[in-house]
């Protein structure tokens, strides 16, 4: 028998013997594997080199956080893209000045589209 709390209510649940906990915190027969490490910035980056800040995925531009001629630093928000109902930040990959701002809010873009350049 296990006591669980759901939404502030305590419920007593009886489990079959083969589902009962096996001495520790892991259920019997469960093997835990470490998750594969994610590449840093894989979902929200910009081009790794060069001047172009590119779209890491297809989506819609929700917000343009910079202006032409604005100075940015590494990691600063440039654009927010929406893809599959999730907002994804695209950040500056180097310090510099925004030039060639090529998108505006509401624009539909494809993966690899140049959003802006940083000189």
N, C-alpha and C. Protein backbone atom coordinates (compact mmCIF):
# COMPACT_ATOMS: atom_id res chain seq x y z
N UNK A 1 0.85 -1.18 0.00
CA UNK A 1 0.00 0.00 0.00
C UNK A 1 0.89 1.24 0.00
N UNK A 2 0.53 2.20 -0.84
CA UNK A 2 1.29 3.43 -0.98
C UNK A 2 0.36 4.61 -0.75
N UNK A 3 0.84 5.60 -0.03
CA UNK A 3 0.06 6.81 0.20
C UNK A 3 0.59 7.89 -0.74
N UNK A 4 -0.29 8.44 -1.59
CA UNK A 4 0.10 9.49 -2.52
C UNK A 4 -0.77 10.72 -2.28
N UNK A 5 -0.24 11.87 -2.65
CA UNK A 5 -1.00 13.11 -2.52
C UNK A 5 -1.19 13.71 -3.91
N UNK A 6 -2.46 13.96 -4.25
CA UNK A 6 -2.81 14.52 -5.55
C UNK A 6 -3.70 15.73 -5.30
N UNK A 7 -3.25 16.89 -5.76
CA UNK A 7 -4.01 18.14 -5.58
C UNK A 7 -4.43 18.35 -4.13
N UNK A 8 -3.52 18.05 -3.21
CA UNK A 8 -3.78 18.28 -1.80
C UNK A 8 -4.58 17.18 -1.11
N UNK A 9 -5.04 16.19 -1.85
CA UNK A 9 -5.78 15.08 -1.27
C UNK A 9 -4.87 13.87 -1.13
N UNK A 10 -4.93 13.21 0.01
CA UNK A 10 -4.13 12.00 0.23
C UNK A 10 -4.97 10.79 -0.14
N UNK A 11 -4.36 9.93 -0.94
CA UNK A 11 -5.05 8.75 -1.43
C UNK A 11 -4.18 7.53 -1.13
N UNK A 12 -4.79 6.49 -0.60
CA UNK A 12 -4.08 5.25 -0.33
C UNK A 12 -4.30 4.33 -1.52
N UNK A 13 -3.21 3.84 -2.11
CA UNK A 13 -3.28 3.01 -3.30
C UNK A 13 -2.62 1.67 -2.99
N UNK A 14 -3.30 0.61 -3.31
CA UNK A 14 -2.73 -0.73 -3.14
C UNK A 14 -2.18 -1.18 -4.48
N UNK A 15 -0.95 -1.66 -4.46
CA UNK A 15 -0.28 -2.11 -5.68
C UNK A 15 -0.06 -3.61 -5.64
N UNK A 16 -0.12 -4.26 -6.81
CA UNK A 16 0.23 -5.67 -6.86
C UNK A 16 1.70 -5.85 -6.46
N UNK A 17 2.03 -7.00 -5.94
CA UNK A 17 3.38 -7.26 -5.44
C UNK A 17 4.45 -7.02 -6.50
N UNK A 18 4.18 -7.33 -7.77
CA UNK A 18 5.20 -7.17 -8.81
C UNK A 18 5.43 -5.71 -9.19
N UNK A 19 4.57 -4.80 -8.73
CA UNK A 19 4.76 -3.37 -9.00
C UNK A 19 5.28 -2.62 -7.78
N UNK A 20 5.38 -3.31 -6.66
CA UNK A 20 5.83 -2.66 -5.44
C UNK A 20 7.29 -2.23 -5.58
N UNK A 21 7.68 -1.25 -4.81
CA UNK A 21 9.06 -0.76 -4.85
C UNK A 21 10.01 -1.82 -4.33
N UNK A 22 11.17 -1.88 -4.93
CA UNK A 22 12.14 -2.91 -4.59
C UNK A 22 13.22 -2.35 -3.68
N UNK A 23 12.89 -2.04 -2.47
CA UNK A 23 13.86 -1.63 -1.48
C UNK A 23 14.34 -0.20 -1.59
N UNK A 24 14.52 0.34 -2.78
CA UNK A 24 15.02 1.70 -2.94
C UNK A 24 13.92 2.58 -3.50
N UNK A 25 14.33 3.54 -4.30
CA UNK A 25 13.37 4.48 -4.87
C UNK A 25 12.93 4.07 -6.27
N UNK A 26 13.64 3.14 -6.87
CA UNK A 26 13.32 2.73 -8.23
C UNK A 26 12.32 1.59 -8.23
N UNK A 27 11.31 1.64 -9.09
CA UNK A 27 10.39 0.52 -9.21
C UNK A 27 11.14 -0.73 -9.68
N UNK A 28 10.66 -1.89 -9.28
CA UNK A 28 11.30 -3.14 -9.66
C UNK A 28 11.38 -3.26 -11.17
N UNK A 29 12.52 -3.66 -11.69
CA UNK A 29 12.68 -3.89 -13.12
C UNK A 29 12.93 -2.64 -13.95
N UNK A 30 13.02 -1.46 -13.35
CA UNK A 30 13.25 -0.23 -14.11
C UNK A 30 14.74 0.02 -14.23
N UNK A 31 15.19 0.27 -15.42
CA UNK A 31 16.59 0.59 -15.66
C UNK A 31 16.66 2.05 -16.08
N UNK A 32 17.40 2.85 -15.35
CA UNK A 32 17.53 4.28 -15.66
C UNK A 32 18.77 4.48 -16.52
N UNK A 33 18.61 5.22 -17.59
CA UNK A 33 19.75 5.57 -18.45
C UNK A 33 19.91 7.08 -18.41
N UNK A 34 21.14 7.51 -18.49
CA UNK A 34 21.39 8.95 -18.53
C UNK A 34 20.93 9.49 -19.87
N UNK A 35 20.26 10.65 -19.87
CA UNK A 35 19.84 11.23 -21.15
C UNK A 35 21.06 11.68 -21.95
N UNK A 36 20.92 11.64 -23.26
CA UNK A 36 22.01 12.12 -24.11
C UNK A 36 22.15 13.61 -23.91
N UNK A 37 23.38 14.10 -23.81
CA UNK A 37 23.56 15.55 -23.62
C UNK A 37 23.10 16.29 -24.87
N UNK A 38 22.42 17.43 -24.64
CA UNK A 38 21.98 18.27 -25.75
C UNK A 38 23.10 19.20 -26.14
N UNK A 39 23.17 19.49 -27.41
CA UNK A 39 24.16 20.45 -27.87
C UNK A 39 23.76 21.82 -27.36
N UNK A 40 24.71 22.53 -26.82
CA UNK A 40 24.43 23.86 -26.28
C UNK A 40 23.91 24.76 -27.38
N UNK A 41 22.74 25.33 -27.13
CA UNK A 41 22.16 26.27 -28.08
C UNK A 41 21.64 25.65 -29.36
N UNK A 42 21.47 24.34 -29.39
CA UNK A 42 21.05 23.68 -30.61
C UNK A 42 19.69 24.14 -31.11
N UNK A 43 18.81 24.56 -30.21
CA UNK A 43 17.48 24.95 -30.61
C UNK A 43 17.34 26.45 -30.79
N UNK A 44 18.34 27.21 -30.41
CA UNK A 44 18.09 28.65 -30.38
C UNK A 44 19.29 29.47 -30.80
N UNK A 45 20.06 29.00 -31.67
CA UNK A 45 21.27 29.74 -31.92
C UNK A 45 21.23 30.62 -33.14
N UNK A 46 22.41 30.91 -33.58
CA UNK A 46 22.60 31.66 -34.80
C UNK A 46 23.71 30.93 -35.53
N UNK A 47 24.14 31.47 -36.65
CA UNK A 47 25.24 30.85 -37.36
C UNK A 47 26.46 30.79 -36.45
N UNK A 48 27.21 29.71 -36.51
CA UNK A 48 28.35 29.54 -35.62
C UNK A 48 29.52 30.44 -35.99
N UNK A 49 29.58 30.86 -37.24
CA UNK A 49 30.66 31.74 -37.65
C UNK A 49 30.15 32.68 -38.74
N UNK A 50 30.97 33.63 -39.10
CA UNK A 50 30.55 34.59 -40.11
C UNK A 50 29.69 35.68 -39.49
N UNK A 51 29.07 36.48 -40.35
CA UNK A 51 28.28 37.62 -39.89
C UNK A 51 26.79 37.33 -39.79
N UNK A 52 26.29 36.33 -40.50
CA UNK A 52 24.86 36.09 -40.59
C UNK A 52 24.27 35.44 -39.34
N UNK A 53 23.15 35.98 -38.89
CA UNK A 53 22.33 35.35 -37.86
C UNK A 53 21.24 34.64 -38.64
N UNK A 54 21.20 33.31 -38.56
CA UNK A 54 20.26 32.54 -39.37
C UNK A 54 19.21 31.85 -38.52
N UNK A 55 18.08 31.54 -39.14
CA UNK A 55 16.99 30.86 -38.46
C UNK A 55 17.35 29.39 -38.25
N UNK A 56 17.30 28.91 -37.00
CA UNK A 56 17.64 27.52 -36.74
C UNK A 56 16.53 26.56 -37.13
N UNK A 57 15.34 27.11 -37.47
CA UNK A 57 14.19 26.28 -37.83
C UNK A 57 13.19 27.11 -38.63
N UNK A 58 12.25 26.41 -39.23
CA UNK A 58 11.16 27.07 -39.93
C UNK A 58 10.19 27.62 -38.90
N UNK A 59 9.58 28.75 -39.16
CA UNK A 59 8.62 29.31 -38.22
C UNK A 59 8.15 30.69 -38.63
N UNK A 60 7.58 31.38 -37.64
CA UNK A 60 7.09 32.74 -37.84
C UNK A 60 7.81 33.67 -36.88
N UNK A 61 8.24 34.81 -37.38
CA UNK A 61 8.91 35.80 -36.52
C UNK A 61 7.84 36.43 -35.64
N UNK A 62 7.99 36.29 -34.33
CA UNK A 62 7.05 36.84 -33.37
C UNK A 62 7.51 38.21 -32.91
N UNK A 63 8.84 38.36 -32.75
CA UNK A 63 9.38 39.62 -32.22
C UNK A 63 10.77 39.85 -32.79
N UNK A 64 11.04 41.07 -33.18
CA UNK A 64 12.38 41.49 -33.55
C UNK A 64 12.86 42.38 -32.41
N UNK A 65 13.88 41.91 -31.69
CA UNK A 65 14.32 42.59 -30.47
C UNK A 65 15.43 43.61 -30.69
N UNK A 66 15.88 43.75 -31.93
CA UNK A 66 16.98 44.68 -32.23
C UNK A 66 16.57 45.62 -33.35
N UNK A 67 17.37 46.66 -33.52
CA UNK A 67 17.16 47.61 -34.61
C UNK A 67 18.44 47.72 -35.42
N UNK A 68 18.29 48.12 -36.65
CA UNK A 68 19.44 48.36 -37.52
C UNK A 68 20.40 49.33 -36.83
N UNK A 69 21.68 48.98 -36.78
CA UNK A 69 22.69 49.85 -36.18
C UNK A 69 22.87 49.66 -34.68
N UNK A 70 22.06 48.81 -34.07
CA UNK A 70 22.16 48.57 -32.63
C UNK A 70 23.37 47.70 -32.31
N UNK A 71 24.04 48.01 -31.22
CA UNK A 71 25.17 47.22 -30.76
C UNK A 71 24.64 46.05 -29.93
N UNK A 72 25.16 44.83 -30.20
CA UNK A 72 24.75 43.64 -29.46
C UNK A 72 25.98 42.91 -28.92
N UNK A 73 25.75 42.09 -27.91
CA UNK A 73 26.80 41.25 -27.36
C UNK A 73 26.38 39.79 -27.49
N UNK A 74 27.34 38.89 -27.39
CA UNK A 74 27.07 37.46 -27.48
C UNK A 74 25.94 37.08 -26.53
N UNK A 75 24.97 36.32 -27.04
CA UNK A 75 23.87 35.84 -26.21
C UNK A 75 22.67 36.78 -26.13
N UNK A 76 22.81 38.00 -26.65
CA UNK A 76 21.70 38.95 -26.60
C UNK A 76 20.61 38.53 -27.59
N UNK A 77 19.37 38.70 -27.17
CA UNK A 77 18.22 38.33 -28.01
C UNK A 77 18.18 39.18 -29.27
N UNK A 78 18.03 38.51 -30.41
CA UNK A 78 17.91 39.20 -31.70
C UNK A 78 16.48 39.08 -32.21
N UNK A 79 15.97 37.84 -32.27
CA UNK A 79 14.64 37.56 -32.81
C UNK A 79 14.00 36.44 -32.00
N UNK A 80 12.68 36.45 -31.91
CA UNK A 80 11.94 35.33 -31.33
C UNK A 80 11.13 34.69 -32.45
N UNK A 81 11.31 33.38 -32.63
CA UNK A 81 10.58 32.64 -33.64
C UNK A 81 9.53 31.76 -32.97
N UNK A 82 8.39 31.59 -33.61
CA UNK A 82 7.39 30.65 -33.13
C UNK A 82 7.37 29.47 -34.08
N UNK A 83 7.50 28.29 -33.51
CA UNK A 83 7.42 27.06 -34.30
C UNK A 83 6.67 26.04 -33.46
N UNK A 84 5.66 25.44 -34.01
CA UNK A 84 4.84 24.44 -33.32
C UNK A 84 4.34 24.97 -31.98
N UNK A 85 3.82 26.18 -31.97
CA UNK A 85 3.23 26.82 -30.79
C UNK A 85 4.22 27.11 -29.67
N UNK A 86 5.51 27.04 -29.95
CA UNK A 86 6.54 27.35 -28.95
C UNK A 86 7.38 28.50 -29.45
N UNK A 87 7.71 29.41 -28.53
CA UNK A 87 8.57 30.54 -28.88
C UNK A 87 10.03 30.15 -28.65
N UNK A 88 10.88 30.44 -29.63
CA UNK A 88 12.28 30.07 -29.59
C UNK A 88 13.15 31.30 -29.79
N UNK A 89 13.97 31.63 -28.80
CA UNK A 89 14.84 32.81 -28.95
C UNK A 89 16.01 32.53 -29.89
N UNK A 90 16.34 33.50 -30.70
CA UNK A 90 17.54 33.44 -31.54
C UNK A 90 18.45 34.54 -31.05
N UNK A 91 19.66 34.17 -30.66
CA UNK A 91 20.56 35.12 -30.01
C UNK A 91 21.78 35.44 -30.87
N UNK A 92 22.44 36.53 -30.52
CA UNK A 92 23.66 36.94 -31.22
C UNK A 92 24.78 35.95 -30.92
N UNK A 93 25.51 35.57 -31.95
CA UNK A 93 26.62 34.62 -31.80
C UNK A 93 27.97 35.32 -31.62
N UNK A 94 27.96 36.65 -31.74
CA UNK A 94 29.18 37.42 -31.52
C UNK A 94 28.82 38.87 -31.19
N UNK A 95 29.78 39.59 -30.66
CA UNK A 95 29.59 41.00 -30.38
C UNK A 95 29.67 41.78 -31.70
N UNK A 96 28.92 42.88 -31.81
CA UNK A 96 29.01 43.70 -33.00
C UNK A 96 27.82 44.63 -33.16
N UNK A 97 27.66 45.11 -34.39
CA UNK A 97 26.60 46.04 -34.75
C UNK A 97 25.65 45.33 -35.71
N UNK A 98 24.34 45.42 -35.45
CA UNK A 98 23.34 44.81 -36.33
C UNK A 98 23.30 45.57 -37.65
N UNK A 99 23.50 44.84 -38.74
CA UNK A 99 23.37 45.41 -40.08
C UNK A 99 22.51 44.45 -40.90
N UNK A 100 21.90 44.93 -41.92
CA UNK A 100 21.13 44.07 -42.81
C UNK A 100 19.99 43.34 -42.12
N UNK A 101 19.27 44.02 -41.25
CA UNK A 101 18.11 43.40 -40.60
C UNK A 101 17.12 43.02 -41.69
N UNK A 102 16.84 41.73 -41.83
CA UNK A 102 16.11 41.25 -42.99
C UNK A 102 14.70 40.75 -42.71
N UNK A 103 14.24 40.80 -41.47
CA UNK A 103 12.90 40.28 -41.15
C UNK A 103 12.13 41.26 -40.28
N UNK A 104 10.82 41.07 -40.25
CA UNK A 104 9.97 41.85 -39.35
C UNK A 104 8.95 40.91 -38.74
N UNK A 105 8.32 41.34 -37.65
CA UNK A 105 7.33 40.52 -36.96
C UNK A 105 6.24 40.09 -37.93
N UNK A 106 5.87 38.81 -37.84
CA UNK A 106 4.82 38.26 -38.70
C UNK A 106 5.34 37.55 -39.93
N UNK A 107 6.62 37.70 -40.23
CA UNK A 107 7.20 37.07 -41.42
C UNK A 107 7.33 35.56 -41.23
N UNK A 108 6.94 34.80 -42.23
CA UNK A 108 7.14 33.35 -42.23
C UNK A 108 8.52 33.09 -42.84
N UNK A 109 9.33 32.29 -42.13
CA UNK A 109 10.70 32.04 -42.61
C UNK A 109 10.98 30.54 -42.62
N UNK A 110 11.99 30.16 -43.38
CA UNK A 110 12.42 28.77 -43.42
C UNK A 110 13.76 28.62 -42.70
N UNK A 111 14.10 27.39 -42.38
CA UNK A 111 15.37 27.14 -41.71
C UNK A 111 16.51 27.66 -42.58
N UNK A 112 17.46 28.35 -41.94
CA UNK A 112 18.61 28.88 -42.66
C UNK A 112 18.44 30.28 -43.20
N UNK A 113 17.23 30.83 -43.12
CA UNK A 113 16.99 32.20 -43.58
C UNK A 113 17.85 33.17 -42.79
N UNK A 114 18.50 34.09 -43.48
CA UNK A 114 19.30 35.11 -42.80
C UNK A 114 18.34 36.12 -42.18
N UNK A 115 18.43 36.27 -40.87
CA UNK A 115 17.56 37.19 -40.14
C UNK A 115 18.18 38.57 -40.04
N UNK A 116 19.50 38.59 -39.85
CA UNK A 116 20.25 39.84 -39.72
C UNK A 116 21.72 39.50 -39.86
N UNK A 117 22.54 40.53 -39.93
CA UNK A 117 23.99 40.34 -39.93
C UNK A 117 24.58 41.15 -38.80
N UNK A 118 25.67 40.64 -38.25
CA UNK A 118 26.38 41.34 -37.18
C UNK A 118 27.79 41.60 -37.68
N UNK A 119 28.15 42.87 -37.78
CA UNK A 119 29.50 43.26 -38.25
C UNK A 119 30.33 43.71 -37.07
